[in-house]
C-alpha atoms as a PDB file:
ATOM      1  CA  MET A   1       0.680 -22.183  15.881  1.00  0.00           C
ATOM      2  CA  ALA A   2       0.093 -18.443  15.604  1.00  0.00           C
ATOM      3  CA  THR A   3       2.042 -16.058  13.963  1.00  0.00           C
ATOM      4  CA  THR A   4       2.305 -12.391  14.350  1.00  0.00           C
ATOM      5  CA  ILE A   5       2.389  -9.701  11.555  1.00  0.00           C
ATOM      6  CA  GLY A   6       4.114  -6.994  13.523  1.00  0.00           C
ATOM      7  CA  LEU A   7       7.397  -5.792  12.477  1.00  0.00           C
ATOM      8  CA  SER A   8       8.912  -7.877  14.912  1.00  0.00           C
ATOM      9  CA  PRO A   9       7.688 -10.604  17.291  1.00  0.00           C
ATOM     10  CA  ALA A  10       8.466 -10.717  20.921  1.00  0.00           C
ATOM     11  CA  PHE A  11      12.182 -10.346  21.140  1.00  0.00           C
ATOM     12  CA  ALA A  12      15.161 -11.375  23.184  1.00  0.00           C
ATOM     13  CA  GLU A  13      16.640  -8.876  25.554  1.00  0.00           C
ATOM     14  CA  ASP A  14      19.912  -8.630  23.505  1.00  0.00           C
ATOM     15  CA  ASP A  15      18.073  -7.834  20.116  1.00  0.00           C
ATOM     16  CA  ARG A  16      16.051  -4.770  21.844  1.00  0.00           C
ATOM     17  CA  SER A  17      16.060  -1.514  20.084  1.00  0.00           C
ATOM     18  CA  PRO A  18      18.162   1.228  21.997  1.00  0.00           C
ATOM     19  CA  LEU A  19      14.544   3.039  22.254  1.00  0.00           C
ATOM     20  CA  ALA A  20      12.917   0.303  23.825  1.00  0.00           C
ATOM     21  CA  PHE A  21      11.815   0.229  27.438  1.00  0.00           C
ATOM     22  CA  ASP A  22      10.170  -2.029  30.205  1.00  0.00           C
ATOM     23  CA  ILE A  23       6.870  -0.941  31.812  1.00  0.00           C
ATOM     24  CA  GLY A  24       6.701  -3.944  34.183  1.00  0.00           C
ATOM     25  CA  SER A  25       5.041  -7.379  34.039  1.00  0.00           C
ATOM     26  CA  GLY A  26       7.182  -8.561  31.034  1.00  0.00           C
ATOM     27  CA  VAL A  27       5.631  -5.879  28.739  1.00  0.00           C
ATOM     28  CA  THR A  28       8.008  -3.597  26.629  1.00  0.00           C
ATOM     29  CA  VAL A  29       7.256  -0.570  24.628  1.00  0.00           C
ATOM     30  CA  THR A  30       9.416   0.457  21.382  1.00  0.00           C
ATOM     31  CA  PRO A  31       8.885   3.788  19.864  1.00  0.00           C
ATOM     32  CA  TYR A  32       9.555   3.914  16.085  1.00  0.00           C
ATOM     33  CA  GLY A  33       9.286   6.226  13.200  1.00  0.00           C
ATOM     34  CA  TYR A  34      10.781   8.445  10.859  1.00  0.00           C
ATOM     35  CA  VAL A  35      10.943  12.005   9.445  1.00  0.00           C
ATOM     36  CA  LYS A  36      10.806  12.480   5.668  1.00  0.00           C
ATOM     37  CA  LEU A  37      11.047  15.783   3.657  1.00  0.00           C
ATOM     38  CA  ASP A  38      10.035  15.416   0.053  1.00  0.00           C
ATOM     39  CA  LEU A  39      10.816  17.979  -2.766  1.00  0.00           C
ATOM     40  CA  ILE A  40       8.692  17.828  -5.633  1.00  0.00           C
ATOM     41  CA  ARG A  41       8.360  19.186  -9.097  1.00  0.00           C
ATOM     42  CA  ASP A  42       5.428  18.610 -11.501  1.00  0.00           C
ATOM     43  CA  PHE A  43       5.807  19.181 -15.198  1.00  0.00           C
ATOM     44  CA  ASP A  44       2.428  18.727 -16.589  1.00  0.00           C
ATOM     45  CA  TYR A  45      -0.304  18.785 -14.025  1.00  0.00           C
ATOM     46  CA  GLU A  46      -0.363  19.590 -10.377  1.00  0.00           C
ATOM     47  CA  LEU A  47      -0.701  16.266  -8.766  1.00  0.00           C
ATOM     48  CA  GLY A  48      -0.147  17.264  -5.183  1.00  0.00           C
ATOM     49  CA  ASN A  49       1.740  15.850  -2.390  1.00  0.00           C
ATOM     50  CA  THR A  50       1.668  12.268  -3.803  1.00  0.00           C
ATOM     51  CA  THR A  51       0.704  10.927  -7.518  1.00  0.00           C
ATOM     52  CA  ALA A  52      -2.756  10.112  -6.608  1.00  0.00           C
ATOM     53  CA  GLN A  53      -4.404  12.655  -8.743  1.00  0.00           C
ATOM     54  CA  ILE A  54      -3.073  10.793 -11.728  1.00  0.00           C
ATOM     55  CA  ARG A  55      -6.591   9.226 -11.866  1.00  0.00           C
ATOM     56  CA  ASN A  56      -8.212  12.925 -12.454  1.00  0.00           C
ATOM     57  CA  ILE A  57      -5.549  14.509 -14.914  1.00  0.00           C
ATOM     58  CA  GLY A  58      -7.516  15.853 -18.127  1.00  0.00           C
ATOM     59  CA  LEU A  59     -10.793  16.032 -16.405  1.00  0.00           C
ATOM     60  CA  PRO A  60     -12.794  19.353 -16.548  1.00  0.00           C
ATOM     61  CA  ASN A  61     -12.270  20.002 -12.721  1.00  0.00           C
ATOM     62  CA  GLY A  62      -9.229  17.914 -12.488  1.00  0.00           C
ATOM     63  CA  PRO A  63      -5.476  19.148 -11.574  1.00  0.00           C
ATOM     64  CA  ALA A  64      -4.385  22.500 -13.079  1.00  0.00           C
ATOM     65  CA  THR A  65      -1.923  22.285 -15.873  1.00  0.00           C
ATOM     66  CA  GLY A  66       1.796  23.781 -15.843  1.00  0.00           C
ATOM     67  CA  THR A  67       4.783  23.303 -13.794  1.00  0.00           C
ATOM     68  CA  PHE A  68       4.457  23.383  -9.956  1.00  0.00           C
ATOM     69  CA  ASP A  69       6.815  22.914  -7.194  1.00  0.00           C
ATOM     70  CA  ARG A  70       6.130  21.863  -3.303  1.00  0.00           C
ATOM     71  CA  ALA A  71       7.703  20.545  -0.298  1.00  0.00           C
ATOM     72  CA  ASN A  72       6.068  18.660   2.484  1.00  0.00           C
ATOM     73  CA  VAL A  73       6.771  16.470   5.487  1.00  0.00           C
ATOM     74  CA  ARG A  74       3.484  14.695   5.720  1.00  0.00           C
ATOM     75  CA  GLU A  75       4.726  11.281   5.319  1.00  0.00           C
ATOM     76  CA  THR A  76       6.807  11.605   8.624  1.00  0.00           C
ATOM     77  CA  ARG A  77       5.600   8.876  10.872  1.00  0.00           C
ATOM     78  CA  ILE A  78       5.443   7.930  14.422  1.00  0.00           C
ATOM     79  CA  GLY A  79       4.273   4.973  16.372  1.00  0.00           C
ATOM     80  CA  PHE A  80       5.001   2.395  18.965  1.00  0.00           C
ATOM     81  CA  ASP A  81       4.953  -1.403  19.422  1.00  0.00           C
ATOM     82  CA  VAL A  82       4.077  -3.183  22.622  1.00  0.00           C
ATOM     83  CA  HIS A  83       5.356  -6.428  23.053  1.00  0.00           C
ATOM     84  CA  GLY A  84       3.955  -8.842  25.818  1.00  0.00           C
ATOM     85  CA  GLN A  85       4.415 -12.339  26.731  1.00  0.00           C
ATOM     86  CA  ASP A  86       1.572 -13.472  24.333  1.00  0.00           C
ATOM     87  CA  ILE A  87       0.488 -10.203  22.999  1.00  0.00           C
ATOM     88  CA  PHE A  88       1.505  -7.633  20.523  1.00  0.00           C
ATOM     89  CA  ALA A  89      -0.050  -4.257  19.842  1.00  0.00           C
ATOM     90  CA  ARG A  90       0.625  -1.311  17.224  1.00  0.00           C
ATOM     91  CA  PHE A  91      -0.296   2.149  17.343  1.00  0.00           C
ATOM     92  CA  GLU A  92       1.083   4.452  14.397  1.00  0.00           C
ATOM     93  CA  GLY A  93       0.083   7.642  12.508  1.00  0.00           C
ATOM     94  CA  ASP A  94       1.534  10.088   9.998  1.00  0.00           C
ATOM     95  CA  PHE A  95       0.457  13.564   8.919  1.00  0.00           C
ATOM     96  CA  TYR A  96      -1.643  12.896   5.737  1.00  0.00           C
ATOM     97  CA  GLY A  97      -4.719  14.004   7.803  1.00  0.00           C
ATOM     98  CA  SER A  98      -6.898  17.139   7.394  1.00  0.00           C
ATOM     99  CA  ASN A  99      -4.538  20.139   7.355  1.00  0.00           C
ATOM    100  CA  GLU A 100      -1.455  17.940   8.015  1.00  0.00           C
ATOM    101  CA  ALA A 101      -3.080  16.915  11.197  1.00  0.00           C
ATOM    102  CA  LEU A 102      -1.802  13.539  12.756  1.00  0.00           C
ATOM    103  CA  ARG A 103      -3.736  10.692  11.064  1.00  0.00           C
ATOM    104  CA  LEU A 104      -4.344   7.073  12.344  1.00  0.00           C
ATOM    105  CA  ARG A 105      -2.751   4.400  10.236  1.00  0.00           C
ATOM    106  CA  HIS A 106      -2.801   1.351  12.607  1.00  0.00           C
ATOM    107  CA  ALA A 107      -4.310   0.555  15.914  1.00  0.00           C
ATOM    108  CA  PHE A 108      -4.585  -3.116  16.546  1.00  0.00           C
ATOM    109  CA  VAL A 109      -3.927  -5.857  19.049  1.00  0.00           C
ATOM    110  CA  GLU A 110      -2.747  -9.380  18.097  1.00  0.00           C
ATOM    111  CA  TRP A 111      -3.271 -12.516  20.455  1.00  0.00           C
ATOM    112  CA  ASN A 112      -2.775 -16.129  19.603  1.00  0.00           C
ATOM    113  CA  GLY A 113      -3.250 -15.409  15.847  1.00  0.00           C
ATOM    114  CA  PHE A 114      -6.326 -13.162  16.390  1.00  0.00           C
ATOM    115  CA  ILE A 115      -5.988  -9.390  15.200  1.00  0.00           C
ATOM    116  CA  VAL A 116      -8.565  -6.995  16.263  1.00  0.00           C
ATOM    117  CA  GLY A 117      -8.514  -3.074  14.988  1.00  0.00           C
ATOM    118  CA  GLN A 118      -7.216  -1.422  12.185  1.00  0.00           C
ATOM    119  CA  ASN A 119      -4.585  -2.868   9.998  1.00  0.00           C
ATOM    120  CA  TRP A 120      -3.538  -3.519   6.547  1.00  0.00           C
ATOM    121  CA  THR A 121      -6.378  -5.318   4.693  1.00  0.00           C
ATOM    122  CA  ASN A 122      -5.744  -9.204   4.800  1.00  0.00           C
ATOM    123  CA  TYR A 123      -6.625  -8.958   0.968  1.00  0.00           C
ATOM    124  CA  MET A 124      -3.147  -7.240   0.119  1.00  0.00           C
ATOM    125  CA  SER A 125       0.323  -8.512   0.388  1.00  0.00           C
ATOM    126  CA  VAL A 126       2.432  -6.159   2.415  1.00  0.00           C
ATOM    127  CA  GLU A 127       5.632  -8.011   1.504  1.00  0.00           C
ATOM    128  CA  THR A 128       5.322  -6.965  -2.166  1.00  0.00           C
ATOM    129  CA  LEU A 129       4.602  -3.213  -1.749  1.00  0.00           C
ATOM    130  CA  ALA A 130       6.691  -1.421  -4.491  1.00  0.00           C
ATOM    131  CA  ASP A 131      10.007   0.387  -3.603  1.00  0.00           C
ATOM    132  CA  THR A 132       9.028   4.047  -4.547  1.00  0.00           C
ATOM    133  CA  VAL A 133       9.992   7.341  -3.047  1.00  0.00           C
ATOM    134  CA  ASP A 134       6.404   8.557  -4.115  1.00  0.00           C
ATOM    135  CA  PHE A 135       4.117   7.815  -1.145  1.00  0.00           C
ATOM    136  CA  GLN A 136       1.275   6.634  -3.286  1.00  0.00           C
ATOM    137  CA  GLY A 137       3.165   4.031  -5.227  1.00  0.00           C
ATOM    138  CA  PRO A 138       1.433   2.325  -8.347  1.00  0.00           C
ATOM    139  CA  GLY A 139      -2.285   2.238  -8.584  1.00  0.00           C
ATOM    140  CA  GLY A 140      -2.709  -1.363  -9.865  1.00  0.00           C
ATOM    141  CA  TYR A 141      -2.293  -3.302  -6.402  1.00  0.00           C
ATOM    142  CA  PRO A 142      -4.684  -3.555  -3.459  1.00  0.00           C
ATOM    143  CA  PHE A 143      -4.072  -1.137  -0.856  1.00  0.00           C
ATOM    144  CA  ALA A 144      -6.142  -0.202   2.279  1.00  0.00           C
ATOM    145  CA  ARG A 145      -5.927  -0.194   6.066  1.00  0.00           C
ATOM    146  CA  LYS A 146      -9.330  -1.085   7.521  1.00  0.00           C
ATOM    147  CA  PRO A 147     -11.023  -2.060  10.955  1.00  0.00           C
ATOM    148  CA  GLN A 148     -11.033  -5.788  11.070  1.00  0.00           C
ATOM    149  CA  VAL A 149     -11.103  -9.118  12.832  1.00  0.00           C
ATOM    150  CA  ARG A 150      -8.490 -11.512  11.359  1.00  0.00           C
ATOM    151  CA  TYR A 151      -7.381 -15.133  12.376  1.00  0.00           C
ATOM    152  CA  THR A 152      -3.926 -16.188  11.081  1.00  0.00           C
ATOM    153  CA  PHE A 153      -2.386 -19.678  11.370  1.00  0.00           C
ATOM    154  CA  ASN A 154       0.440 -21.625  10.187  1.00  0.00           C
ATOM    155  CA  PRO A 155      -0.205 -25.299   9.399  1.00  0.00           C
ATOM    156  CA  SER A 156       3.570 -25.901   8.768  1.00  0.00           C
ATOM    157  CA  ALA A 157       6.748 -23.731   8.504  1.00  0.00           C
ATOM    158  CA  ARG A 158       6.170 -22.587   5.133  1.00  0.00           C
ATOM    159  CA  TRP A 159       2.470 -22.234   4.757  1.00  0.00           C
ATOM    160  CA  THR A 160       0.381 -19.330   6.414  1.00  0.00           C
ATOM    161  CA  VAL A 161      -3.392 -19.261   6.013  1.00  0.00           C
ATOM    162  CA  SER A 162      -5.366 -15.991   6.979  1.00  0.00           C
ATOM    163  CA  ALA A 163      -9.108 -14.903   7.002  1.00  0.00           C
ATOM    164  CA  SER A 164     -10.775 -11.667   8.100  1.00  0.00           C
ATOM    165  CA  ALA A 165     -13.884  -9.777   8.393  1.00  0.00           C
ATOM    166  CA  GLU A 166     -13.284  -6.055   7.381  1.00  0.00           C
ATOM    167  CA  GLU A 167     -15.165  -2.842   7.074  1.00  0.00           C
ATOM    168  CA  ASP A 168     -16.030  -2.105   3.558  1.00  0.00           C
ATOM    169  CA  VAL A 169     -13.692   0.224   1.701  1.00  0.00           C
ATOM    170  CA  ALA A 170     -16.874   2.335   0.395  1.00  0.00           C
ATOM    171  CA  ASN A 171     -19.469   2.066   3.194  1.00  0.00           C
ATOM    172  CA  SER A 172     -18.452   1.610   6.861  1.00  0.00           C
ATOM    173  CA  ASP A 173     -21.849   0.091   7.572  1.00  0.00           C
ATOM    174  CA  ASP A 174     -21.036  -3.027   5.484  1.00  0.00           C
ATOM    175  CA  VAL A 175     -18.559  -5.923   5.864  1.00  0.00           C
ATOM    176  CA  ALA A 176     -16.316  -7.290   3.293  1.00  0.00           C
ATOM    177  CA  PHE A 177     -14.688 -10.849   3.931  1.00  0.00           C
ATOM    178  CA  THR A 178     -11.185 -11.851   2.761  1.00  0.00           C
ATOM    179  CA  ALA A 179      -9.220 -15.086   2.884  1.00  0.00           C
ATOM    180  CA  ALA A 180      -5.326 -15.594   1.970  1.00  0.00           C
ATOM    181  CA  VAL A 181      -2.919 -18.376   1.616  1.00  0.00           C
ATOM    182  CA  ARG A 182       0.900 -17.857   1.624  1.00  0.00           C
ATOM    183  CA  TYR A 183       3.699 -20.123   0.687  1.00  0.00           C
ATOM    184  CA  GLY A 184       7.284 -19.153   1.754  1.00  0.00           C
ATOM    185  CA  PHE A 185      10.470 -20.774   0.228  1.00  0.00           C
ATOM    186  CA  ASP A 186      14.209 -20.107   0.370  1.00  0.00           C
ATOM    187  CA  PHE A 187      14.313 -17.293  -2.262  1.00  0.00           C
ATOM    188  CA  GLY A 188      10.890 -15.756  -1.820  1.00  0.00           C
ATOM    189  CA  MET A 189       7.138 -16.404  -1.239  1.00  0.00           C
ATOM    190  CA  VAL A 190       3.912 -16.393  -3.237  1.00  0.00           C
ATOM    191  CA  ARG A 191       0.477 -15.530  -1.841  1.00  0.00           C
ATOM    192  CA  VAL A 192      -3.010 -15.891  -3.163  1.00  0.00           C
ATOM    193  CA  SER A 193      -5.867 -13.758  -1.604  1.00  0.00           C
ATOM    194  CA  GLY A 194      -9.754 -13.258  -2.244  1.00  0.00           C
ATOM    195  CA  LEU A 195     -12.347 -10.588  -1.347  1.00  0.00           C
ATOM    196  CA  TRP A 196     -15.949 -10.586  -1.476  1.00  0.00           C
ATOM    197  CA  ARG A 197     -18.322  -7.772  -0.811  1.00  0.00           C
ATOM    198  CA  ASP A 198     -21.972  -7.143  -0.577  1.00  0.00           C
ATOM    199  CA  ALA A 199     -22.151  -3.368  -0.045  1.00  0.00           C
ATOM    200  CA  THR A 200     -24.617  -0.346  -0.516  1.00  0.00           C
ATOM    201  CA  ILE A 201     -22.726   2.280  -2.644  1.00  0.00           C
ATOM    202  CA  SER A 202     -24.276   5.427  -3.648  1.00  0.00           C
ATOM    203  CA  GLY A 203     -27.722   3.837  -3.189  1.00  0.00           C
ATOM    204  CA  ASN A 204     -26.630   0.946  -5.308  1.00  0.00           C
ATOM    205  CA  ASP A 205     -26.555  -2.675  -4.023  1.00  0.00           C
ATOM    206  CA  VAL A 206     -22.858  -3.880  -5.180  1.00  0.00           C
ATOM    207  CA  GLU A 207     -22.015  -7.291  -4.999  1.00  0.00           C
ATOM    208  CA  GLY A 208     -18.457  -7.833  -5.971  1.00  0.00           C
ATOM    209  CA  TRP A 209     -15.323 -10.184  -5.820  1.00  0.00           C
ATOM    210  CA  GLY A 210     -11.679  -9.914  -6.145  1.00  0.00           C
ATOM    211  CA  MET A 211      -8.528 -12.104  -6.449  1.00  0.00           C
ATOM    212  CA  THR A 212      -4.971 -11.117  -6.188  1.00  0.00           C
ATOM    213  CA  PHE A 213      -1.868 -13.374  -7.000  1.00  0.00           C
ATOM    214  CA  ALA A 214       1.405 -11.942  -5.654  1.00  0.00           C
ATOM    215  CA  GLY A 215       5.052 -13.027  -5.266  1.00  0.00           C
ATOM    216  CA  LEU A 216       8.467 -11.905  -4.336  1.00  0.00           C
ATOM    217  CA  PHE A 217      11.568 -13.474  -5.653  1.00  0.00           C
ATOM    218  CA  ARG A 218      15.351 -13.146  -5.108  1.00  0.00           C
ATOM    219  CA  PRO A 219      16.775 -14.504  -8.403  1.00  0.00           C
ATOM    220  CA  TRP A 220      20.211 -12.941  -8.066  1.00  0.00           C
ATOM    221  CA  GLN A 221      22.665 -11.700  -5.695  1.00  0.00           C
ATOM    222  CA  GLY A 222      21.155  -8.143  -4.341  1.00  0.00           C
ATOM    223  CA  GLY A 223      18.225  -8.564  -6.697  1.00  0.00           C
ATOM    224  CA  THR A 224      14.471  -8.702  -5.764  1.00  0.00           C
ATOM    225  CA  ILE A 225      11.135  -9.045  -8.075  1.00  0.00           C
ATOM    226  CA  LYS A 226       7.920  -7.799  -6.327  1.00  0.00           C
ATOM    227  CA  ALA A 227       4.788  -8.702  -8.384  1.00  0.00           C
ATOM    228  CA  GLY A 228       1.126  -8.848  -8.152  1.00  0.00           C
ATOM    229  CA  VAL A 229      -1.751  -9.225 -10.434  1.00  0.00           C
ATOM    230  CA  SER A 230      -5.527  -8.440  -9.520  1.00  0.00           C
ATOM    231  CA  ILE A 231      -8.736  -9.458 -11.190  1.00  0.00           C
ATOM    232  CA  GLY A 232     -12.141  -8.625  -9.933  1.00  0.00           C
ATOM    233  CA  ASP A 233     -15.689  -7.154 -10.453  1.00  0.00           C
ATOM    234  CA  GLY A 234     -17.134  -4.441  -8.565  1.00  0.00           C
ATOM    235  CA  THR A 235     -14.161  -4.022  -6.237  1.00  0.00           C
ATOM    236  CA  ALA A 236     -11.905  -1.605  -8.152  1.00  0.00           C
ATOM    237  CA  ASP A 237     -11.989   0.988  -5.340  1.00  0.00           C
ATOM    238  CA  ILE A 238      -9.833  -1.253  -3.074  1.00  0.00           C
ATOM    239  CA  LEU A 239      -7.014  -0.699  -5.629  1.00  0.00           C
ATOM    240  CA  ASN A 240      -4.346   1.969  -4.912  1.00  0.00           C
ATOM    241  CA  ALA A 241      -5.422   4.091  -7.729  1.00  0.00           C
ATOM    242  CA  GLY A 242      -8.325   5.402  -5.713  1.00  0.00           C
ATOM    243  CA  LEU A 243     -10.902   4.866  -8.539  1.00  0.00           C
ATOM    244  CA  SER A 244     -14.639   4.671  -7.512  1.00  0.00           C
ATOM    245  CA  GLY A 245     -18.170   5.584  -8.542  1.00  0.00           C
ATOM    246  CA  PRO A 246     -18.198   4.603 -12.387  1.00  0.00           C
ATOM    247  CA  ALA A 247     -15.122   2.477 -11.940  1.00  0.00           C
ATOM    248  CA  VAL A 248     -17.133   0.146  -9.444  1.00  0.00           C
ATOM    249  CA  PHE A 249     -20.644   0.228 -10.470  1.00  0.00           C
ATOM    250  CA  LEU A 250     -21.764   1.581 -14.079  1.00  0.00           C
ATOM    251  CA  GLY A 251     -25.123   1.415 -16.054  1.00  0.00           C
ATOM    252  CA  GLY A 252     -26.902  -0.775 -13.435  1.00  0.00           C
ATOM    253  CA  ASP A 253     -24.088  -3.360 -13.312  1.00  0.00           C
ATOM    254  CA  THR A 254     -20.593  -4.087 -11.754  1.00  0.00           C
ATOM    255  CA  VAL A 255     -17.405  -3.134 -13.639  1.00  0.00           C
ATOM    256  CA  GLU A 256     -14.746  -5.803 -14.233  1.00  0.00           C
ATOM    257  CA  TYR A 257     -10.952  -5.028 -14.183  1.00  0.00           C
ATOM    258  CA  ASN A 258      -7.545  -6.273 -14.246  1.00  0.00           C
ATOM    259  CA  ALA A 259      -4.695  -4.713 -12.508  1.00  0.00           C
ATOM    260  CA  GLY A 260      -0.984  -5.257 -11.327  1.00  0.00           C
ATOM    261  CA  ALA A 261       2.406  -3.852 -10.354  1.00  0.00           C
ATOM    262  CA  VAL A 262       6.016  -5.167 -10.762  1.00  0.00           C
ATOM    263  CA  THR A 263       8.964  -3.987  -9.254  1.00  0.00           C
ATOM    264  CA  VAL A 264      12.659  -5.021  -9.982  1.00  0.00           C
ATOM    265  CA  SER A 265      15.135  -3.651  -7.614  1.00  0.00           C
ATOM    266  CA  HIS A 266      18.898  -4.118  -7.276  1.00  0.00           C
ATOM    267  CA  GLN A 267      21.018  -3.525  -4.254  1.00  0.00           C
ATOM    268  CA  VAL A 268      24.076  -2.235  -5.925  1.00  0.00           C
ATOM    269  CA  ASN A 269      26.374  -2.108  -2.703  1.00  0.00           C
ATOM    270  CA  ASP A 270      25.467  -1.666   0.993  1.00  0.00           C
ATOM    271  CA  LYS A 271      24.689   2.210   0.357  1.00  0.00           C
ATOM    272  CA  LEU A 272      22.929   2.318  -3.091  1.00  0.00           C
ATOM    273  CA  LYS A 273      19.526   0.609  -4.210  1.00  0.00           C
ATOM    274  CA  LEU A 274      17.839   1.080  -7.509  1.00  0.00           C
ATOM    275  CA  ALA A 275      14.502   0.157  -8.506  1.00  0.00           C
ATOM    276  CA  ILE A 276      11.957   0.282 -11.427  1.00  0.00           C
ATOM    277  CA  THR A 277       8.294  -0.308 -10.856  1.00  0.00           C
ATOM    278  CA  GLY A 278       5.459  -0.301 -13.401  1.00  0.00           C
ATOM    279  CA  GLY A 279       1.736  -0.580 -12.802  1.00  0.00           C
ATOM    280  CA  TRP A 280      -1.476  -0.585 -14.457  1.00  0.00           C
ATOM    281  CA  VAL A 281      -5.264  -0.828 -14.256  1.00  0.00           C
ATOM    282  CA  ASP A 282      -7.590  -1.483 -16.936  1.00  0.00           C
ATOM    283  CA  LEU A 283     -11.373  -1.437 -16.594  1.00  0.00           C
ATOM    284  CA  ASP A 284     -13.505  -3.474 -18.913  1.00  0.00           C
ATOM    285  CA  ARG A 285     -15.895  -0.323 -19.807  1.00  0.00           C
ATOM    286  CA  ALA A 286     -16.337   3.112 -19.220  1.00  0.00           C
ATOM    287  CA  VAL A 287     -18.078   6.104 -20.645  1.00  0.00           C
ATOM    288  CA  GLY A 288     -17.169   9.627 -21.813  1.00  0.00           C
ATOM    289  CA  THR A 289     -14.313  11.180 -19.916  1.00  0.00           C
ATOM    290  CA  ASN A 290     -14.421   8.698 -17.182  1.00  0.00           C
ATOM    291  CA  THR A 291     -11.219   6.528 -16.788  1.00  0.00           C
ATOM    292  CA  LYS A 292     -10.609   3.447 -18.951  1.00  0.00           C
ATOM    293  CA  ASP A 293      -7.062   2.482 -18.099  1.00  0.00           C
ATOM    294  CA  LEU A 294      -4.222   3.938 -16.042  1.00  0.00           C
ATOM    295  CA  GLN A 295      -0.278   3.179 -16.598  1.00  0.00           C
ATOM    296  CA  THR A 296       2.534   4.207 -14.301  1.00  0.00           C
ATOM    297  CA  VAL A 297       6.292   4.219 -14.039  1.00  0.00           C
ATOM    298  CA  HIS A 298       8.326   4.849 -11.071  1.00  0.00           C
ATOM    299  CA  LEU A 299      12.430   5.028 -11.432  1.00  0.00           C
ATOM    300  CA  SER A 300      13.686   5.234  -7.960  1.00  0.00           C
ATOM    301  CA  ALA A 301      17.250   5.430  -6.211  1.00  0.00           C
ATOM    302  CA  PHE A 302      17.987   5.098  -2.406  1.00  0.00           C
ATOM    303  CA  TYR A 303      21.236   6.044  -1.024  1.00  0.00           C
ATOM    304  CA  THR A 304      22.212   5.257   2.496  1.00  0.00           C
ATOM    305  CA  VAL A 305      24.241   8.077   3.949  1.00  0.00           C
ATOM    306  CA  TYR A 306      24.497   6.803   7.531  1.00  0.00           C
ATOM    307  CA  LYS A 307      22.751   3.995   9.158  1.00  0.00           C
ATOM    308  CA  ASN A 308      19.444   5.848   9.583  1.00  0.00           C
ATOM    309  CA  THR A 309      19.628   8.370   7.034  1.00  0.00           C
ATOM    310  CA  THR A 310      18.694   7.765   3.338  1.00  0.00           C
ATOM    311  CA  LEU A 311      18.702  10.287   0.433  1.00  0.00           C
ATOM    312  CA  MET A 312      16.359   9.482  -2.335  1.00  0.00           C
ATOM    313  CA  ALA A 313      15.505  10.587  -5.995  1.00  0.00           C
ATOM    314  CA  GLU A 314      12.621   9.491  -8.377  1.00  0.00           C
ATOM    315  CA  TYR A 315      11.362  10.016 -12.046  1.00  0.00           C
ATOM    316  CA  PHE A 316       7.557   9.342 -12.280  1.00  0.00           C
ATOM    317  CA  ASN A 317       5.383   9.123 -15.463  1.00  0.00           C
ATOM    318  CA  GLY A 318       1.654   8.542 -15.315  1.00  0.00           C
ATOM    319  CA  ARG A 319      -0.749   8.253 -18.202  1.00  0.00           C
ATOM    320  CA  ARG A 320      -4.720   8.282 -17.956  1.00  0.00           C
ATOM    321  CA  LYS A 321      -6.757   7.283 -21.047  1.00  0.00           C
ATOM    322  CA  ASP A 322     -10.536   7.989 -21.062  1.00  0.00           C
ATOM    323  CA  ALA A 323     -13.402   6.044 -22.558  1.00  0.00           C
ATOM    324  CA  SER A 324     -13.299   8.404 -25.601  1.00  0.00           C
ATOM    325  CA  GLY A 325      -9.644   7.185 -26.405  1.00  0.00           C
ATOM    326  CA  ASN A 326      -8.113  10.421 -25.236  1.00  0.00           C
ATOM    327  CA  SER A 327      -4.649  10.092 -23.296  1.00  0.00           C
ATOM    328  CA  PHE A 328      -3.117  12.489 -20.715  1.00  0.00           C
ATOM    329  CA  ASP A 329       0.283  12.238 -19.345  1.00  0.00           C
ATOM    330  CA  ALA A 330       2.092  13.702 -16.405  1.00  0.00           C
ATOM    331  CA  ASP A 331       5.642  13.691 -15.147  1.00  0.00           C
ATOM    332  CA  ARG A 332       7.185  14.213 -11.873  1.00  0.00           C
ATOM    333  CA  VAL A 333      10.780  14.424 -10.267  1.00  0.00           C
ATOM    334  CA  GLN A 334      11.083  13.903  -6.587  1.00  0.00           C
ATOM    335  CA  PHE A 335      13.928  14.091  -4.186  1.00  0.00           C
ATOM    336  CA  ALA A 336      13.653  13.300  -0.371  1.00  0.00           C
ATOM    337  CA  VAL A 337      15.635  12.667   2.624  1.00  0.00           C
ATOM    338  CA  LYS A 338      14.699  10.373   5.364  1.00  0.00           C
ATOM    339  CA  TYR A 339      15.822   9.845   8.915  1.00  0.00           C
ATOM    340  CA  ALA A 340      14.410   6.950  10.741  1.00  0.00           C
ATOM    341  CA  PHE A 341      14.506   6.064  14.414  1.00  0.00           C
END
């Protein structure tokens, strides 16, 4: 029995989006997306449009110090789903390309459990992505979209098993392999995934592995806990922190790491949602000014003004510690408004 990973499987006529339209032969195309305006103030370092630069604060050529303001609409997203009798396809982009150009996010086709094209890596758990206003989110969790071939099947109603061959995150000429098992239950799910690579990175032969344990739980009315822990050796570059180079291979050997993220959210009422997200990445060794560990905290609020319009606010703190024991902190306040269609 195959399963689809799209936002929605082939759906009944009465459940169709107002934007959906038939193109014949039982095929329906549904456009979707949103417009998001971000208003940002950085108090310590100029992090940019996202908090990704937390990995470089305190470095000689890292982000400038001071207070900085910026506004952008780069997260604005446009896509469309194609539903057929036995097939599902998705094409999606945002504006995080060079010079705010449209950038490809997803482009894949699914048929009878097979996925071919660019999609989220099978190594990550999409269901446990953090609730943050910041586009980047916590750095301690696997995060990548890669060209791949994947197969997913359901041996029973609660179990899902998947495996994939994917383009390596560091070298497009190499292939990484993943496998995952998910178990769903009445108040959540748990998922275990594994990754193996044998890639050439900066002239070095890097053979590495990773394992991620993720879960989503709803322990009280309106409450949700999302959590994930990753361990590995020579695969830290697949984490959302964006670490590479000596964080993957150092002194002729691969670098071990442990990382993770936890989000606790509460739906206060039908309009207001509050969330707190913590994340960390710890490398077993580093030298000089290289990163030894990262820690991040996001305090987030989401208020639905109308059905498709949400106001958002967030406080962020990030800390980077280098191999010499020096710590660097960055603070950010972010406001946003999002209209989805």
